[in-house]
């Protein structure tokens, strides 16, 4: 389960622990291919300074030595103006 909370230019991702996972890769990707990512061993990640007026597709992939598994959220749209 992946939860995304966002304001005009920042997204906070959090997800459930995946049994056996040793690390996670979280990504926010625009349709144009602009990618923001973090690799982390816990179950949350913050993406500050996202570009305004963009749609980001959010995903988190859990990894271990044998395989990986990806979960996605609905796309988010950052505010047209980040002056809030």
Protein backbone atom coordinates (compact mmCIF):
# COMPACT_ATOMS: atom_id res chain seq x y z
CA UNK A 1 0.00 0.00 0.00
CA UNK A 2 1.46 3.34 -1.11
CA UNK A 3 0.33 6.69 0.29
CA UNK A 4 1.24 10.02 -1.30
CA UNK A 5 0.71 13.37 0.42
CA UNK A 6 1.64 16.44 -1.56
CA UNK A 7 1.62 20.21 -1.54
CA UNK A 8 2.36 22.47 -4.52
CA UNK A 9 6.01 21.38 -4.84
CA UNK A 10 6.70 18.61 -2.30
CA UNK A 11 5.55 14.99 -2.11
CA UNK A 12 5.82 12.69 0.92
CA UNK A 13 5.59 9.00 0.07
CA UNK A 14 5.05 6.26 2.61
CA UNK A 15 4.41 2.57 2.10
CA UNK A 16 3.85 -0.67 3.94
CA UNK A 17 6.76 -2.88 4.94
CA UNK A 18 7.34 -5.62 2.38
CA UNK A 19 8.42 -8.90 3.94
CA UNK A 20 11.94 -9.77 2.83
CA UNK A 21 12.68 -6.41 1.21
CA UNK A 22 16.14 -5.03 1.93
CA UNK A 23 15.77 -1.66 0.20
CA UNK A 24 13.33 0.45 -1.79
CA UNK A 25 13.49 2.76 -4.81
CA UNK A 26 10.86 5.51 -4.94
CA UNK A 27 10.37 7.47 -8.15
CA UNK A 28 8.33 10.40 -9.40
CA UNK A 29 8.39 10.62 -13.20
CA UNK A 30 6.75 13.16 -15.51
CA UNK A 31 5.36 12.17 -18.95
CA UNK A 32 8.39 13.98 -20.43
CA UNK A 33 10.74 11.69 -18.50
CA UNK A 34 11.88 14.09 -15.75
CA UNK A 35 12.68 11.74 -12.86
CA UNK A 36 13.14 12.34 -9.15
CA UNK A 37 14.18 9.28 -7.15
CA UNK A 38 15.42 8.10 -3.81
CA UNK A 39 16.88 4.79 -2.72
CA UNK A 40 16.25 4.04 0.91
CA UNK A 41 16.00 1.19 3.41
CA UNK A 42 13.01 2.52 5.39
CA UNK A 43 9.40 3.05 4.32
CA UNK A 44 9.13 6.75 3.52
CA UNK A 45 10.72 9.30 1.24
CA UNK A 46 10.24 13.02 0.60
CA UNK A 47 10.62 14.65 -2.80
CA UNK A 48 11.15 18.38 -2.20
CA UNK A 49 11.30 20.99 -4.96
CA UNK A 50 9.16 19.21 -7.55
CA UNK A 51 8.62 21.30 -10.67
CA UNK A 52 5.36 23.25 -10.60
CA UNK A 53 2.59 22.50 -13.06
CA UNK A 54 3.74 18.92 -13.69
CA UNK A 55 2.02 15.55 -13.51
CA UNK A 56 4.15 12.94 -11.74
CA UNK A 57 3.65 9.19 -11.87
CA UNK A 58 4.68 7.75 -8.50
CA UNK A 59 6.07 4.27 -7.89
CA UNK A 60 7.95 2.38 -5.20
CA UNK A 61 9.91 -0.78 -5.89
CA UNK A 62 10.88 -3.17 -3.09
CA UNK A 63 14.13 -5.08 -3.69
CA UNK A 64 15.86 -8.09 -2.19
CA UNK A 65 18.60 -10.39 -3.47
CA UNK A 66 16.13 -12.54 -5.43
CA UNK A 67 13.49 -10.25 -6.93
CA UNK A 68 11.72 -6.91 -6.90
CA UNK A 69 8.09 -5.78 -6.72
CA UNK A 70 6.64 -2.41 -7.74
CA UNK A 71 3.55 -0.58 -6.49
CA UNK A 72 2.19 2.63 -8.07
CA UNK A 73 -0.18 5.39 -7.03
CA UNK A 74 -2.52 7.55 -9.04
CA UNK A 75 -0.62 10.39 -10.74
CA UNK A 76 -0.24 13.64 -8.79
CA UNK A 77 -0.31 17.12 -10.27
CA UNK A 78 1.82 19.79 -8.66
CA UNK A 79 0.42 23.30 -8.33
CA UNK A 80 0.66 25.75 -11.21
CA UNK A 81 2.37 28.18 -8.82
CA UNK A 82 4.75 27.09 -6.08
CA UNK A 83 4.58 30.45 -4.31
CA UNK A 84 2.38 29.07 -1.50
